[in-house]
Amino acid sequence: MGEPETTVSDAPILEREVTIAAPIETVWRFWTDPDRLVRWMGSVAALDLRPGGAVRIEYGNGAVMLGTVLEVDPPTRLVFTWGWEDPSEVVRPGASRVEVDLEPADGGTHLRLRHVGLPPAESVGHGEGWDYFLSRLADAAA
């Protein structure tokens, strides 16, 4: 009997929380407007903000993240799948899910990011990436 197949719903969850010194509508736009998104993550971005819409973020090193929008509830919740276009990468398109929840907070917006479905060996690297990019988001949106 083989190992049980891991699904996004039962995989480990990577979580990050940060308060950003900007109104919720501003932080939302930095996630959903491609021109603002690339101020803190990636170099080229395209988003079709409707369930089933495509997400594509190209990074300066040539890496490309491909995803599909699953939920859009402006300006409080965005959920999309996450994976790398390069077939040599472990996390393939659709293999993991990013959940972004925003709520007003004293001094700005509280952001909670959950990245679900990453293989354990990928969690550390993705966690470091989210730490880096969320810091850049806080600076860009402020």
C-alpha atoms as a PDB file:
ATOM      1  CA  MET A   1       0.000   0.000   0.000  1.00  0.00           C
ATOM      2  CA  GLY A   2       1.453   3.396  -1.008  1.00  0.00           C
ATOM      3  CA  GLU A   3       1.591   6.624   0.926  1.00  0.00           C
ATOM      4  CA  PRO A   4      -1.670   8.594   1.081  1.00  0.00           C
ATOM      5  CA  GLU A   5      -1.787  11.408  -1.424  1.00  0.00           C
ATOM      6  CA  THR A   6      -1.354  14.856   0.113  1.00  0.00           C
ATOM      7  CA  THR A   7      -3.898  17.464  -0.890  1.00  0.00           C
ATOM      8  CA  VAL A   8      -3.857  21.210  -0.452  1.00  0.00           C
ATOM      9  CA  SER A   9      -6.411  20.946   2.354  1.00  0.00           C
ATOM     10  CA  ASP A  10      -4.322  18.658   4.602  1.00  0.00           C
ATOM     11  CA  ALA A  11      -0.849  19.999   3.826  1.00  0.00           C
ATOM     12  CA  PRO A  12       1.108  22.166   6.284  1.00  0.00           C
ATOM     13  CA  ILE A  13       0.195  25.839   6.365  1.00  0.00           C
ATOM     14  CA  LEU A  14       2.726  28.653   6.157  1.00  0.00           C
ATOM     15  CA  GLU A  15       1.352  31.764   7.881  1.00  0.00           C
ATOM     16  CA  ARG A  16       2.559  35.333   8.067  1.00  0.00           C
ATOM     17  CA  GLU A  17       0.891  38.369   9.679  1.00  0.00           C
ATOM     18  CA  VAL A  18       1.871  42.003   9.377  1.00  0.00           C
ATOM     19  CA  THR A  19       0.304  45.389  10.013  1.00  0.00           C
ATOM     20  CA  ILE A  20       0.817  47.829   7.174  1.00  0.00           C
ATOM     21  CA  ALA A  21       0.596  51.599   7.747  1.00  0.00           C
ATOM     22  CA  ALA A  22      -1.921  52.180   4.951  1.00  0.00           C
ATOM     23  CA  PRO A  23      -5.704  52.014   4.543  1.00  0.00           C
ATOM     24  CA  ILE A  24      -7.195  48.655   3.573  1.00  0.00           C
ATOM     25  CA  GLU A  25      -8.190  49.914   0.099  1.00  0.00           C
ATOM     26  CA  THR A  26      -4.568  50.903  -0.594  1.00  0.00           C
ATOM     27  CA  VAL A  27      -3.189  47.528   0.517  1.00  0.00           C
ATOM     28  CA  TRP A  28      -5.847  45.771  -1.587  1.00  0.00           C
ATOM     29  CA  ARG A  29      -4.735  47.690  -4.682  1.00  0.00           C
ATOM     30  CA  PHE A  30      -1.113  46.641  -4.071  1.00  0.00           C
ATOM     31  CA  TRP A  31      -2.295  43.016  -4.376  1.00  0.00           C
ATOM     32  CA  THR A  32      -4.694  43.485  -7.279  1.00  0.00           C
ATOM     33  CA  ASP A  33      -3.337  46.243  -9.546  1.00  0.00           C
ATOM     34  CA  PRO A  34      -0.456  44.836 -11.644  1.00  0.00           C
ATOM     35  CA  ASP A  35       1.329  48.219 -11.734  1.00  0.00           C
ATOM     36  CA  ARG A  36       1.308  48.383  -7.934  1.00  0.00           C
ATOM     37  CA  LEU A  37       1.997  44.679  -7.428  1.00  0.00           C
ATOM     38  CA  VAL A  38       5.326  44.921  -9.244  1.00  0.00           C
ATOM     39  CA  ARG A  39       6.411  47.728  -6.913  1.00  0.00           C
ATOM     40  CA  TRP A  40       6.917  45.063  -4.236  1.00  0.00           C
ATOM     41  CA  MET A  41       6.880  41.645  -5.955  1.00  0.00           C
ATOM     42  CA  GLY A  42       7.938  40.602  -9.435  1.00  0.00           C
ATOM     43  CA  SER A  43       8.814  42.666 -12.455  1.00  0.00           C
ATOM     44  CA  VAL A  44       5.804  41.965 -14.705  1.00  0.00           C
ATOM     45  CA  ALA A  45       2.346  40.953 -13.494  1.00  0.00           C
ATOM     46  CA  ALA A  46      -1.031  40.155 -15.011  1.00  0.00           C
ATOM     47  CA  LEU A  47      -4.163  39.392 -12.991  1.00  0.00           C
ATOM     48  CA  ASP A  48      -7.696  38.595 -14.110  1.00  0.00           C
ATOM     49  CA  LEU A  49      -9.566  39.358 -10.878  1.00  0.00           C
ATOM     50  CA  ARG A  50     -12.478  36.973 -11.102  1.00  0.00           C
ATOM     51  CA  PRO A  51     -12.850  33.365  -9.996  1.00  0.00           C
ATOM     52  CA  GLY A  52     -11.109  31.261 -12.632  1.00  0.00           C
ATOM     53  CA  GLY A  53      -9.026  34.218 -13.812  1.00  0.00           C
ATOM     54  CA  ALA A  54      -5.312  33.819 -14.464  1.00  0.00           C
ATOM     55  CA  VAL A  55      -2.511  35.211 -12.298  1.00  0.00           C
ATOM     56  CA  ARG A  56       0.999  35.494 -13.732  1.00  0.00           C
ATOM     57  CA  ILE A  57       3.948  37.089 -11.969  1.00  0.00           C
ATOM     58  CA  GLU A  58       7.327  37.208 -13.665  1.00  0.00           C
ATOM     59  CA  TYR A  59      10.380  37.841 -11.508  1.00  0.00           C
ATOM     60  CA  GLY A  60      13.630  39.564 -12.439  1.00  0.00           C
ATOM     61  CA  ASN A  61      15.522  36.262 -12.274  1.00  0.00           C
ATOM     62  CA  GLY A  62      13.290  34.783 -14.997  1.00  0.00           C
ATOM     63  CA  ALA A  63      11.095  32.712 -12.666  1.00  0.00           C
ATOM     64  CA  VAL A  64       7.375  32.807 -13.464  1.00  0.00           C
ATOM     65  CA  MET A  65       4.577  32.087 -10.986  1.00  0.00           C
ATOM     66  CA  LEU A  66       1.301  30.937 -12.485  1.00  0.00           C
ATOM     67  CA  GLY A  67      -1.962  30.775 -10.606  1.00  0.00           C
ATOM     68  CA  THR A  68      -5.719  30.904 -10.828  1.00  0.00           C
ATOM     69  CA  VAL A  69      -7.971  33.214  -8.814  1.00  0.00           C
ATOM     70  CA  LEU A  70     -10.261  31.214  -6.532  1.00  0.00           C
ATOM     71  CA  GLU A  71     -11.903  33.958  -4.431  1.00  0.00           C
ATOM     72  CA  VAL A  72     -12.169  37.731  -4.696  1.00  0.00           C
ATOM     73  CA  ASP A  73     -13.927  39.731  -1.969  1.00  0.00           C
ATOM     74  CA  PRO A  74     -12.719  43.358  -2.251  1.00  0.00           C
ATOM     75  CA  PRO A  75     -11.103  44.758  -0.192  1.00  0.00           C
ATOM     76  CA  THR A  76     -10.789  41.983   2.393  1.00  0.00           C
ATOM     77  CA  ARG A  77      -9.955  38.617   0.789  1.00  0.00           C
ATOM     78  CA  LEU A  78      -8.021  37.287  -2.195  1.00  0.00           C
ATOM     79  CA  VAL A  79      -7.318  33.583  -2.768  1.00  0.00           C
ATOM     80  CA  PHE A  80      -5.350  32.158  -5.676  1.00  0.00           C
ATOM     81  CA  THR A  81      -3.383  29.054  -6.559  1.00  0.00           C
ATOM     82  CA  TRP A  82       0.401  29.298  -6.706  1.00  0.00           C
ATOM     83  CA  GLY A  83       3.053  27.362  -8.590  1.00  0.00           C
ATOM     84  CA  TRP A  84       6.098  27.776 -10.786  1.00  0.00           C
ATOM     85  CA  GLU A  85       6.027  27.572 -14.579  1.00  0.00           C
ATOM     86  CA  ASP A  86       9.458  25.877 -14.730  1.00  0.00           C
ATOM     87  CA  PRO A  87       8.876  22.086 -14.865  1.00  0.00           C
ATOM     88  CA  SER A  88      12.009  21.512 -12.765  1.00  0.00           C
ATOM     89  CA  GLU A  89      10.397  23.296  -9.789  1.00  0.00           C
ATOM     90  CA  VAL A  90       8.717  21.170  -7.113  1.00  0.00           C
ATOM     91  CA  VAL A  91       5.718  23.475  -6.608  1.00  0.00           C
ATOM     92  CA  ARG A  92       3.835  23.315  -9.890  1.00  0.00           C
ATOM     93  CA  PRO A  93       0.913  25.554 -10.956  1.00  0.00           C
ATOM     94  CA  GLY A  94      -2.191  24.682  -8.976  1.00  0.00           C
ATOM     95  CA  ALA A  95      -0.245  22.705  -6.360  1.00  0.00           C
ATOM     96  CA  SER A  96      -0.576  25.270  -3.554  1.00  0.00           C
ATOM     97  CA  ARG A  97      -2.904  28.068  -2.535  1.00  0.00           C
ATOM     98  CA  VAL A  98      -2.300  31.589  -1.200  1.00  0.00           C
ATOM     99  CA  GLU A  99      -4.968  33.204   0.994  1.00  0.00           C
ATOM    100  CA  VAL A 100      -4.702  36.930   1.745  1.00  0.00           C
ATOM    101  CA  ASP A 101      -7.036  38.395   4.357  1.00  0.00           C
ATOM    102  CA  LEU A 102      -7.091  42.115   5.144  1.00  0.00           C
ATOM    103  CA  GLU A 103      -8.834  43.959   7.943  1.00  0.00           C
ATOM    104  CA  PRO A 104      -8.669  47.502   9.248  1.00  0.00           C
ATOM    105  CA  ALA A 105      -6.373  47.882  12.253  1.00  0.00           C
ATOM    106  CA  ASP A 106      -5.031  50.661  14.432  1.00  0.00           C
ATOM    107  CA  GLY A 107      -2.434  52.369  12.325  1.00  0.00           C
ATOM    108  CA  GLY A 108      -3.471  50.799   9.031  1.00  0.00           C
ATOM    109  CA  THR A 109      -4.306  47.309   7.796  1.00  0.00           C
ATOM    110  CA  HIS A 110      -3.705  43.915   9.348  1.00  0.00           C
ATOM    111  CA  LEU A 111      -2.697  41.394   6.674  1.00  0.00           C
ATOM    112  CA  ARG A 112      -2.777  37.652   7.237  1.00  0.00           C
ATOM    113  CA  LEU A 113      -1.230  35.485   4.542  1.00  0.00           C
ATOM    114  CA  ARG A 114      -1.652  31.714   4.509  1.00  0.00           C
ATOM    115  CA  HIS A 115       0.203  29.608   1.939  1.00  0.00           C
ATOM    116  CA  VAL A 116      -1.329  26.144   1.962  1.00  0.00           C
ATOM    117  CA  GLY A 117      -0.105  23.015   0.238  1.00  0.00           C
ATOM    118  CA  LEU A 118       3.637  23.542   0.103  1.00  0.00           C
ATOM    119  CA  PRO A 119       5.761  20.427   0.499  1.00  0.00           C
ATOM    120  CA  PRO A 120       7.687  20.637   3.797  1.00  0.00           C
ATOM    121  CA  ALA A 121      11.000  21.015   1.941  1.00  0.00           C
ATOM    122  CA  GLU A 122       9.620  24.105   0.161  1.00  0.00           C
ATOM    123  CA  SER A 123       8.108  25.832   3.215  1.00  0.00           C
ATOM    124  CA  VAL A 124      11.342  27.400   4.486  1.00  0.00           C
ATOM    125  CA  GLY A 125      12.258  28.966   1.141  1.00  0.00           C
ATOM    126  CA  HIS A 126       8.748  30.205   0.494  1.00  0.00           C
ATOM    127  CA  GLY A 127       8.559  31.539   4.060  1.00  0.00           C
ATOM    128  CA  GLU A 128      11.761  33.518   3.516  1.00  0.00           C
ATOM    129  CA  GLY A 129      10.330  34.794   0.240  1.00  0.00           C
ATOM    130  CA  TRP A 130       7.084  35.923   1.868  1.00  0.00           C
ATOM    131  CA  ASP A 131       9.024  37.627   4.702  1.00  0.00           C
ATOM    132  CA  TYR A 132      11.052  39.536   2.114  1.00  0.00           C
ATOM    133  CA  PHE A 133       8.124  40.504  -0.090  1.00  0.00           C
ATOM    134  CA  LEU A 134       5.727  41.425   2.731  1.00  0.00           C
ATOM    135  CA  SER A 135       8.398  43.765   4.105  1.00  0.00           C
ATOM    136  CA  ARG A 136       8.643  45.348   0.645  1.00  0.00           C
ATOM    137  CA  LEU A 137       4.828  45.608   0.499  1.00  0.00           C
ATOM    138  CA  ALA A 138       4.754  47.403   3.863  1.00  0.00           C
ATOM    139  CA  ASP A 139       7.313  49.917   2.572  1.00  0.00           C
ATOM    140  CA  ALA A 140       5.646  50.375  -0.828  1.00  0.00           C
ATOM    141  CA  ALA A 141       2.108  50.842   0.514  1.00  0.00           C
ATOM    142  CA  ALA A 142       3.021  53.205   3.368  1.00  0.00           C
END
